[in-house]
Each structure stands twice: as C-alpha cells, then as structure tokens.
Amino acid sequence: MQFKKKKINMDLDWQELSFTEYASGIEVFHASLFFYNDKKAQKKILDHALDEYRHSKYFYNLFINQRNPLMVSSAHALVNYGGLSKSPFPCSKEKLLAICAYLYVGEIRAIEFGRKVKDSCKNENIISIFNIIEKDEKNHASGLKKFLEKENKFLVFKAINLAKFKYFFADKITLNLVIKVQIKLETFFTRVIFKYFPQSIFEIKSTAKDFDSVFGNKNRMS
C-alpha cells in the first residue's frame, strides 16, 4: 500500500525565490534583444520576461509577510542569491541556441520544483500561486521548445545537455557555499558569545579539586 505524503507548512526562502525569478526576467529580457528583426517573437519573449517579474512579485509578497524577514541587499542578491553569477549572460547572438537551451532547461526545472512544493504544501494560497506560475512556465517551455525544434537536432541535444550540466554544478557550488556560510556564521557567533560573556561564567566557582566540591556546584552546570 502506498501512503500519501503528509502536507506541511512550507518554510521556503521566499526572498531567494523572488530574486531568482527577477534574475530570470533579466536573462529573458537580454535574450529578447537578439530578436529585434522578428518583432512578433520579440514580443512573446518580452511577455515571458514580464511573467518572470510577476512571479518575483508573488514571492516577494510572501517574503515581506513573514514575521521577521531577513533583508539582503538587492545588488548582492541578483548577482549571487538570484543566480546571475552562474548565468551564461552576457552573450552574443551567435550563442542564441545555447541561450534558449539554457532557458528551456530552467523552465523545466522550475516546473519540477513547483510540483514538489505543491505535493508537500498545505497552504492553499501558496498552492494557487504555484499553479499560476506552472501555467506560465509551461507556456514558456512550449515556446522555447518550438524555437529549438527548428534548429539542428544534434546541436540542440548538445546545448540542452550542456545546460543541464551547468545547472548540476551550479547547484553543487551553491550547496557548498551555503555550508561554508553556515560554518562562518557559527564561528562568528561563537566569538561574539565569548566576547560579551567572559569565560569565567562557564567555570565552577571552587578552588578545591575534589569531586565533592564540584558536585556541590552542580546547579551552575545545569
């Protein structure tokens, strides 16, 4: 018998998701600049970029509704938190196939992530937001797929797998970065604690070295 997964209250980093979507909008807008000779296609791509900005706003609203939101500067967030540092942009029109393959893989990843959230989340508001986003992401993926289908199949296959490869290592680098930041924060706060709370408060107030004396001070150790 297969049991249904228990739904929980989601505790996602809404600010990170907001900046990620905003960064994605910047990437898509950049791609639209290479379609200036095809106004119809360019308009669709600009609509795609506007969708990403709208998604960013959804997540930002969830973020500011948190009790104690932790703010991160926008410049740092867009470059690192939002993922622009791992993006293949800036680029040239000659790399348009690679750009679209990269964006296509990104849309597929976004759809998969959204489905995982919806499978685990019990907050109806969050589920409705991800339903809207999934509909948009499917349209984006469909449009990118149509463009890629017109290109050389071997080159498309190569570009898509290269994009997947880049995303895989970007995820690994991000994970290692998070671990390093956690270690640095733990070290920092440990230093702060011992700076403002002298080491003497952790010591047993007794000049004797026998066990009975230590046991008599047990309340200071609890």
C-alpha atoms as a PDB file:
ATOM      1  CA  MET A   1       0.000   0.000   0.000  1.00  0.00           C
ATOM      2  CA  GLN A   2       1.324   3.441  -0.910  1.00  0.00           C
ATOM      3  CA  PHE A   3       0.707   6.153   1.656  1.00  0.00           C
ATOM      4  CA  LYS A   4       0.011   9.717   0.609  1.00  0.00           C
ATOM      5  CA  LYS A   5       2.749  12.146   1.531  1.00  0.00           C
ATOM      6  CA  LYS A   6       1.844  14.319   4.517  1.00  0.00           C
ATOM      7  CA  LYS A   7       1.424  18.004   3.648  1.00  0.00           C
ATOM      8  CA  ILE A   8       3.242  20.592   5.755  1.00  0.00           C
ATOM      9  CA  ASN A   9       3.570  24.360   6.167  1.00  0.00           C
ATOM     10  CA  MET A  10       6.253  25.432   3.702  1.00  0.00           C
ATOM     11  CA  ASP A  11       9.299  27.227   5.071  1.00  0.00           C
ATOM     12  CA  LEU A  12      10.969  28.252   1.817  1.00  0.00           C
ATOM     13  CA  ASP A  13      13.333  31.161   1.320  1.00  0.00           C
ATOM     14  CA  TRP A  14      10.833  33.434  -0.422  1.00  0.00           C
ATOM     15  CA  GLN A  15      13.372  36.226  -0.820  1.00  0.00           C
ATOM     16  CA  GLU A  16      15.771  33.928  -2.648  1.00  0.00           C
ATOM     17  CA  LEU A  17      12.960  32.710  -4.911  1.00  0.00           C
ATOM     18  CA  SER A  18      11.934  36.317  -5.566  1.00  0.00           C
ATOM     19  CA  PHE A  19      15.436  37.331  -6.618  1.00  0.00           C
ATOM     20  CA  THR A  20      15.842  34.148  -8.663  1.00  0.00           C
ATOM     21  CA  GLU A  21      12.709  34.961 -10.661  1.00  0.00           C
ATOM     22  CA  TYR A  22      13.789  38.589 -11.047  1.00  0.00           C
ATOM     23  CA  ALA A  23      17.209  37.467 -12.290  1.00  0.00           C
ATOM     24  CA  SER A  24      15.471  35.115 -14.718  1.00  0.00           C
ATOM     25  CA  GLY A  25      13.446  38.043 -16.036  1.00  0.00           C
ATOM     26  CA  ILE A  26      16.673  39.952 -16.703  1.00  0.00           C
ATOM     27  CA  GLU A  27      18.095  36.966 -18.606  1.00  0.00           C
ATOM     28  CA  VAL A  28      14.968  36.608 -20.743  1.00  0.00           C
ATOM     29  CA  PHE A  29      14.887  40.348 -21.466  1.00  0.00           C
ATOM     30  CA  HIS A  30      18.537  40.113 -22.551  1.00  0.00           C
ATOM     31  CA  ALA A  31      17.627  37.270 -24.914  1.00  0.00           C
ATOM     32  CA  SER A  32      14.820  39.371 -26.430  1.00  0.00           C
ATOM     33  CA  LEU A  33      17.379  41.923 -27.636  1.00  0.00           C
ATOM     34  CA  PHE A  34      18.630  39.423 -30.230  1.00  0.00           C
ATOM     35  CA  PHE A  35      15.180  39.175 -31.839  1.00  0.00           C
ATOM     36  CA  TYR A  36      14.915  42.816 -32.938  1.00  0.00           C
ATOM     37  CA  ASN A  37      14.382  41.672 -36.555  1.00  0.00           C
ATOM     38  CA  ASP A  38      11.451  39.441 -35.539  1.00  0.00           C
ATOM     39  CA  LYS A  39       9.060  41.706 -33.660  1.00  0.00           C
ATOM     40  CA  LYS A  40       6.431  39.004 -33.175  1.00  0.00           C
ATOM     41  CA  ALA A  41       8.915  36.652 -31.495  1.00  0.00           C
ATOM     42  CA  GLN A  42      10.434  39.530 -29.544  1.00  0.00           C
ATOM     43  CA  LYS A  43       7.042  40.490 -28.101  1.00  0.00           C
ATOM     44  CA  LYS A  44       6.485  36.907 -26.902  1.00  0.00           C
ATOM     45  CA  ILE A  45       9.897  36.883 -25.248  1.00  0.00           C
ATOM     46  CA  LEU A  46       9.226  40.235 -23.569  1.00  0.00           C
ATOM     47  CA  ASP A  47       5.912  38.825 -22.289  1.00  0.00           C
ATOM     48  CA  HIS A  48       7.946  35.918 -20.911  1.00  0.00           C
ATOM     49  CA  ALA A  49      10.231  38.369 -19.117  1.00  0.00           C
ATOM     50  CA  LEU A  50       7.227  40.205 -17.640  1.00  0.00           C
ATOM     51  CA  ASP A  51       5.894  36.870 -16.356  1.00  0.00           C
ATOM     52  CA  GLU A  52       9.173  36.275 -14.537  1.00  0.00           C
ATOM     53  CA  TYR A  53       8.981  39.724 -12.919  1.00  0.00           C
ATOM     54  CA  ARG A  54       5.395  38.974 -11.865  1.00  0.00           C
ATOM     55  CA  HIS A  55       6.486  35.666 -10.328  1.00  0.00           C
ATOM     56  CA  SER A  56       9.170  37.586  -8.460  1.00  0.00           C
ATOM     57  CA  LYS A  57       6.468  39.855  -7.029  1.00  0.00           C
ATOM     58  CA  TYR A  58       4.428  36.837  -5.838  1.00  0.00           C
ATOM     59  CA  PHE A  59       7.397  35.505  -3.877  1.00  0.00           C
ATOM     60  CA  TYR A  60       8.369  38.954  -2.610  1.00  0.00           C
ATOM     61  CA  ASN A  61       4.869  39.424  -1.145  1.00  0.00           C
ATOM     62  CA  LEU A  62       5.203  36.075   0.650  1.00  0.00           C
ATOM     63  CA  PHE A  63       8.601  37.179   1.919  1.00  0.00           C
ATOM     64  CA  ILE A  64       7.501  40.544   3.380  1.00  0.00           C
ATOM     65  CA  ASN A  65       4.549  38.856   5.078  1.00  0.00           C
ATOM     66  CA  GLN A  66       6.963  36.840   7.213  1.00  0.00           C
ATOM     67  CA  ARG A  67       7.252  37.945  10.830  1.00  0.00           C
ATOM     68  CA  ASN A  68      10.944  38.788  10.810  1.00  0.00           C
ATOM     69  CA  PRO A  69      12.176  38.910   7.205  1.00  0.00           C
ATOM     70  CA  LEU A  70      15.969  38.885   6.831  1.00  0.00           C
ATOM     71  CA  MET A  71      16.895  41.526   4.279  1.00  0.00           C
ATOM     72  CA  VAL A  72      19.609  41.019   1.681  1.00  0.00           C
ATOM     73  CA  SER A  73      20.894  43.871  -0.488  1.00  0.00           C
ATOM     74  CA  SER A  74      19.430  43.777  -3.992  1.00  0.00           C
ATOM     75  CA  ALA A  75      22.779  44.082  -5.798  1.00  0.00           C
ATOM     76  CA  HIS A  76      24.274  41.120  -3.931  1.00  0.00           C
ATOM     77  CA  ALA A  77      21.056  39.150  -4.238  1.00  0.00           C
ATOM     78  CA  LEU A  78      20.697  39.490  -8.001  1.00  0.00           C
ATOM     79  CA  VAL A  79      24.297  38.549  -8.693  1.00  0.00           C
ATOM     80  CA  ASN A  80      24.698  35.718  -6.184  1.00  0.00           C
ATOM     81  CA  TYR A  81      21.426  34.957  -4.401  1.00  0.00           C
ATOM     82  CA  GLY A  82      19.413  35.219  -7.632  1.00  0.00           C
ATOM     83  CA  GLY A  83      21.878  33.235  -9.713  1.00  0.00           C
ATOM     84  CA  LEU A  84      23.119  35.815 -12.226  1.00  0.00           C
ATOM     85  CA  SER A  85      26.717  34.941 -11.330  1.00  0.00           C
ATOM     86  CA  LYS A  86      26.084  31.441 -12.751  1.00  0.00           C
ATOM     87  CA  SER A  87      24.261  32.665 -15.856  1.00  0.00           C
ATOM     88  CA  PRO A  88      25.810  32.374 -19.355  1.00  0.00           C
ATOM     89  CA  PHE A  89      24.978  36.042 -19.943  1.00  0.00           C
ATOM     90  CA  PRO A  90      26.263  38.419 -21.259  1.00  0.00           C
ATOM     91  CA  CYS A  91      26.447  36.726 -24.619  1.00  0.00           C
ATOM     92  CA  SER A  92      26.309  37.290 -28.358  1.00  0.00           C
ATOM     93  CA  LYS A  93      23.681  36.488 -30.969  1.00  0.00           C
ATOM     94  CA  GLU A  94      25.909  33.639 -32.163  1.00  0.00           C
ATOM     95  CA  LYS A  95      25.136  31.880 -28.855  1.00  0.00           C
ATOM     96  CA  LEU A  96      21.367  32.185 -29.220  1.00  0.00           C
ATOM     97  CA  LEU A  97      20.883  28.415 -29.385  1.00  0.00           C
ATOM     98  CA  ALA A  98      22.784  27.983 -26.113  1.00  0.00           C
ATOM     99  CA  ILE A  99      20.732  30.773 -24.503  1.00  0.00           C
ATOM    100  CA  CYS A 100      17.391  29.235 -25.471  1.00  0.00           C
ATOM    101  CA  ALA A 101      18.526  25.757 -24.392  1.00  0.00           C
ATOM    102  CA  TYR A 102      19.612  27.210 -21.049  1.00  0.00           C
ATOM    103  CA  LEU A 103      16.263  28.979 -20.598  1.00  0.00           C
ATOM    104  CA  TYR A 104      14.356  25.856 -21.646  1.00  0.00           C
ATOM    105  CA  VAL A 105      16.110  23.681 -19.069  1.00  0.00           C
ATOM    106  CA  GLY A 106      15.468  26.411 -16.493  1.00  0.00           C
ATOM    107  CA  GLU A 107      11.726  26.322 -17.240  1.00  0.00           C
ATOM    108  CA  ILE A 108      11.611  22.525 -16.888  1.00  0.00           C
ATOM    109  CA  ARG A 109      13.440  22.758 -13.556  1.00  0.00           C
ATOM    110  CA  ALA A 110      11.013  25.442 -12.381  1.00  0.00           C
ATOM    111  CA  ILE A 111       8.022  23.254 -13.266  1.00  0.00           C
ATOM    112  CA  GLU A 112       9.513  20.270 -11.404  1.00  0.00           C
ATOM    113  CA  PHE A 113      10.290  22.417  -8.358  1.00  0.00           C
ATOM    114  CA  GLY A 114       6.773  23.857  -8.310  1.00  0.00           C
ATOM    115  CA  ARG A 115       5.217  20.398  -8.415  1.00  0.00           C
ATOM    116  CA  LYS A 116       7.338  19.258  -5.471  1.00  0.00           C
ATOM    117  CA  VAL A 117       6.202  22.293  -3.496  1.00  0.00           C
ATOM    118  CA  LYS A 118       2.538  21.660  -4.296  1.00  0.00           C
ATOM    119  CA  ASP A 119       2.848  17.971  -3.365  1.00  0.00           C
ATOM    120  CA  SER A 120       4.167  18.902   0.081  1.00  0.00           C
ATOM    121  CA  CYS A 121       2.403  22.187   0.859  1.00  0.00           C
ATOM    122  CA  LYS A 122      -0.948  22.552   2.622  1.00  0.00           C
ATOM    123  CA  ASN A 123      -1.210  26.341   2.323  1.00  0.00           C
ATOM    124  CA  GLU A 124      -3.872  26.984  -0.330  1.00  0.00           C
ATOM    125  CA  ASN A 125      -2.546  30.472  -1.116  1.00  0.00           C
ATOM    126  CA  ILE A 126       0.933  29.136  -1.883  1.00  0.00           C
ATOM    127  CA  ILE A 127      -0.520  26.283  -3.953  1.00  0.00           C
ATOM    128  CA  SER A 128      -2.603  28.739  -6.016  1.00  0.00           C
ATOM    129  CA  ILE A 129       0.485  30.870  -6.675  1.00  0.00           C
ATOM    130  CA  PHE A 130       2.471  27.865  -7.888  1.00  0.00           C
ATOM    131  CA  ASN A 131      -0.473  26.810 -10.072  1.00  0.00           C
ATOM    132  CA  ILE A 132      -0.367  30.200 -11.814  1.00  0.00           C
ATOM    133  CA  ILE A 133       3.405  30.015 -12.160  1.00  0.00           C
ATOM    134  CA  GLU A 134       3.292  26.460 -13.538  1.00  0.00           C
ATOM    135  CA  LYS A 135       0.847  27.530 -16.243  1.00  0.00           C
ATOM    136  CA  ASP A 136       3.205  30.343 -17.261  1.00  0.00           C
ATOM    137  CA  GLU A 137       6.291  28.119 -17.150  1.00  0.00           C
ATOM    138  CA  LYS A 138       4.608  25.536 -19.387  1.00  0.00           C
ATOM    139  CA  ASN A 139       3.858  28.246 -21.959  1.00  0.00           C
ATOM    140  CA  HIS A 140       7.468  29.454 -21.776  1.00  0.00           C
ATOM    141  CA  ALA A 141       8.841  25.921 -22.172  1.00  0.00           C
ATOM    142  CA  SER A 142       6.496  25.293 -25.103  1.00  0.00           C
ATOM    143  CA  GLY A 143       7.628  28.449 -26.892  1.00  0.00           C
ATOM    144  CA  LEU A 144      11.297  27.682 -26.341  1.00  0.00           C
ATOM    145  CA  LYS A 145      10.785  24.105 -27.497  1.00  0.00           C
ATOM    146  CA  LYS A 146       9.215  25.317 -30.770  1.00  0.00           C
ATOM    147  CA  PHE A 147      12.243  27.519 -31.390  1.00  0.00           C
ATOM    148  CA  LEU A 148      14.685  24.703 -30.623  1.00  0.00           C
ATOM    149  CA  GLU A 149      12.826  22.232 -32.864  1.00  0.00           C
ATOM    150  CA  LYS A 150      13.677  24.433 -35.845  1.00  0.00           C
ATOM    151  CA  GLU A 151      17.399  24.159 -35.144  1.00  0.00           C
ATOM    152  CA  ASN A 152      19.874  21.350 -35.802  1.00  0.00           C
ATOM    153  CA  LYS A 153      18.815  18.401 -33.612  1.00  0.00           C
ATOM    154  CA  PHE A 154      22.344  17.374 -32.705  1.00  0.00           C
ATOM    155  CA  LEU A 155      23.300  20.918 -31.696  1.00  0.00           C
ATOM    156  CA  VAL A 156      20.081  21.264 -29.678  1.00  0.00           C
ATOM    157  CA  PHE A 157      20.734  17.962 -27.901  1.00  0.00           C
ATOM    158  CA  LYS A 158      24.275  19.093 -27.120  1.00  0.00           C
ATOM    159  CA  ALA A 159      23.162  22.535 -25.902  1.00  0.00           C
ATOM    160  CA  ILE A 160      20.400  21.159 -23.657  1.00  0.00           C
ATOM    161  CA  ASN A 161      22.687  18.613 -22.012  1.00  0.00           C
ATOM    162  CA  LEU A 162      25.398  21.227 -21.554  1.00  0.00           C
ATOM    163  CA  ALA A 163      22.819  23.461 -19.848  1.00  0.00           C
ATOM    164  CA  LYS A 164      21.811  20.579 -17.559  1.00  0.00           C
ATOM    165  CA  PHE A 165      25.495  20.002 -16.788  1.00  0.00           C
ATOM    166  CA  LYS A 166      25.952  23.674 -15.870  1.00  0.00           C
ATOM    167  CA  TYR A 167      22.874  23.665 -13.644  1.00  0.00           C
ATOM    168  CA  PHE A 168      24.081  20.496 -11.896  1.00  0.00           C
ATOM    169  CA  PHE A 169      27.436  22.012 -10.967  1.00  0.00           C
ATOM    170  CA  ALA A 170      25.844  25.353 -10.096  1.00  0.00           C
ATOM    171  CA  ASP A 171      23.647  23.502  -7.590  1.00  0.00           C
ATOM    172  CA  LYS A 172      26.700  21.779  -6.114  1.00  0.00           C
ATOM    173  CA  ILE A 173      28.595  25.066  -5.809  1.00  0.00           C
ATOM    174  CA  THR A 174      25.562  26.722  -4.165  1.00  0.00           C
ATOM    175  CA  LEU A 175      25.265  23.869  -1.657  1.00  0.00           C
ATOM    176  CA  ASN A 176      28.955  24.093  -0.749  1.00  0.00           C
ATOM    177  CA  LEU A 177      28.642  27.872  -0.448  1.00  0.00           C
ATOM    178  CA  VAL A 178      25.703  27.519   1.949  1.00  0.00           C
ATOM    179  CA  ILE A 179      27.683  25.067   4.099  1.00  0.00           C
ATOM    180  CA  LYS A 180      30.671  27.445   4.178  1.00  0.00           C
ATOM    181  CA  VAL A 181      28.435  30.375   5.137  1.00  0.00           C
ATOM    182  CA  GLN A 182      26.864  28.308   7.931  1.00  0.00           C
ATOM    183  CA  ILE A 183      30.301  27.411   9.317  1.00  0.00           C
ATOM    184  CA  LYS A 184      31.422  31.058   9.170  1.00  0.00           C
ATOM    185  CA  LEU A 185      28.258  32.211  10.933  1.00  0.00           C
ATOM    186  CA  GLU A 186      28.677  29.583  13.661  1.00  0.00           C
ATOM    187  CA  THR A 187      32.296  30.674  14.182  1.00  0.00           C
ATOM    188  CA  PHE A 188      31.278  34.348  14.242  1.00  0.00           C
ATOM    189  CA  PHE A 189      28.505  33.898  16.797  1.00  0.00           C
ATOM    190  CA  THR A 190      30.730  31.720  18.983  1.00  0.00           C
ATOM    191  CA  ARG A 191      33.283  34.554  19.095  1.00  0.00           C
ATOM    192  CA  VAL A 192      30.536  37.064  19.893  1.00  0.00           C
ATOM    193  CA  ILE A 193      29.278  34.915  22.781  1.00  0.00           C
ATOM    194  CA  PHE A 194      32.724  34.646  24.366  1.00  0.00           C
ATOM    195  CA  LYS A 195      33.391  38.327  23.763  1.00  0.00           C
ATOM    196  CA  TYR A 196      30.366  39.552  25.703  1.00  0.00           C
ATOM    197  CA  PHE A 197      30.148  36.657  28.172  1.00  0.00           C
ATOM    198  CA  PRO A 198      33.503  36.088  29.918  1.00  0.00           C
ATOM    199  CA  GLN A 199      34.814  32.572  30.087  1.00  0.00           C
ATOM    200  CA  SER A 200      34.654  32.728  33.905  1.00  0.00           C
ATOM    201  CA  ILE A 201      30.869  32.225  33.912  1.00  0.00           C
ATOM    202  CA  PHE A 202      31.396  28.750  32.476  1.00  0.00           C
ATOM    203  CA  GLU A 203      33.826  27.832  35.232  1.00  0.00           C
ATOM    204  CA  ILE A 204      32.960  26.178  38.545  1.00  0.00           C
ATOM    205  CA  LYS A 205      33.434  28.531  41.491  1.00  0.00           C
ATOM    206  CA  SER A 206      35.620  26.375  43.637  1.00  0.00           C
ATOM    207  CA  THR A 207      39.301  26.331  44.457  1.00  0.00           C
ATOM    208  CA  ALA A 208      39.144  22.689  45.550  1.00  0.00           C
ATOM    209  CA  LYS A 209      39.804  19.937  43.027  1.00  0.00           C
ATOM    210  CA  ASP A 210      37.867  17.106  44.651  1.00  0.00           C
ATOM    211  CA  PHE A 211      34.655  15.634  43.217  1.00  0.00           C
ATOM    212  CA  ASP A 212      32.505  16.552  46.230  1.00  0.00           C
ATOM    213  CA  SER A 213      33.249  20.227  45.762  1.00  0.00           C
ATOM    214  CA  VAL A 214      32.338  20.056  42.108  1.00  0.00           C
ATOM    215  CA  PHE A 215      29.098  18.209  42.921  1.00  0.00           C
ATOM    216  CA  GLY A 216      28.192  20.974  45.355  1.00  0.00           C
ATOM    217  CA  ASN A 217      28.250  23.420  42.433  1.00  0.00           C
ATOM    218  CA  LYS A 218      26.072  21.242  40.188  1.00  0.00           C
ATOM    219  CA  ASN A 219      23.381  23.944  39.824  1.00  0.00           C
ATOM    220  CA  ARG A 220      25.812  26.121  37.920  1.00  0.00           C
ATOM    221  CA  MET A 221      26.320  23.316  35.429  1.00  0.00           C
ATOM    222  CA  SER A 222      22.650  22.640  34.705  1.00  0.00           C
END
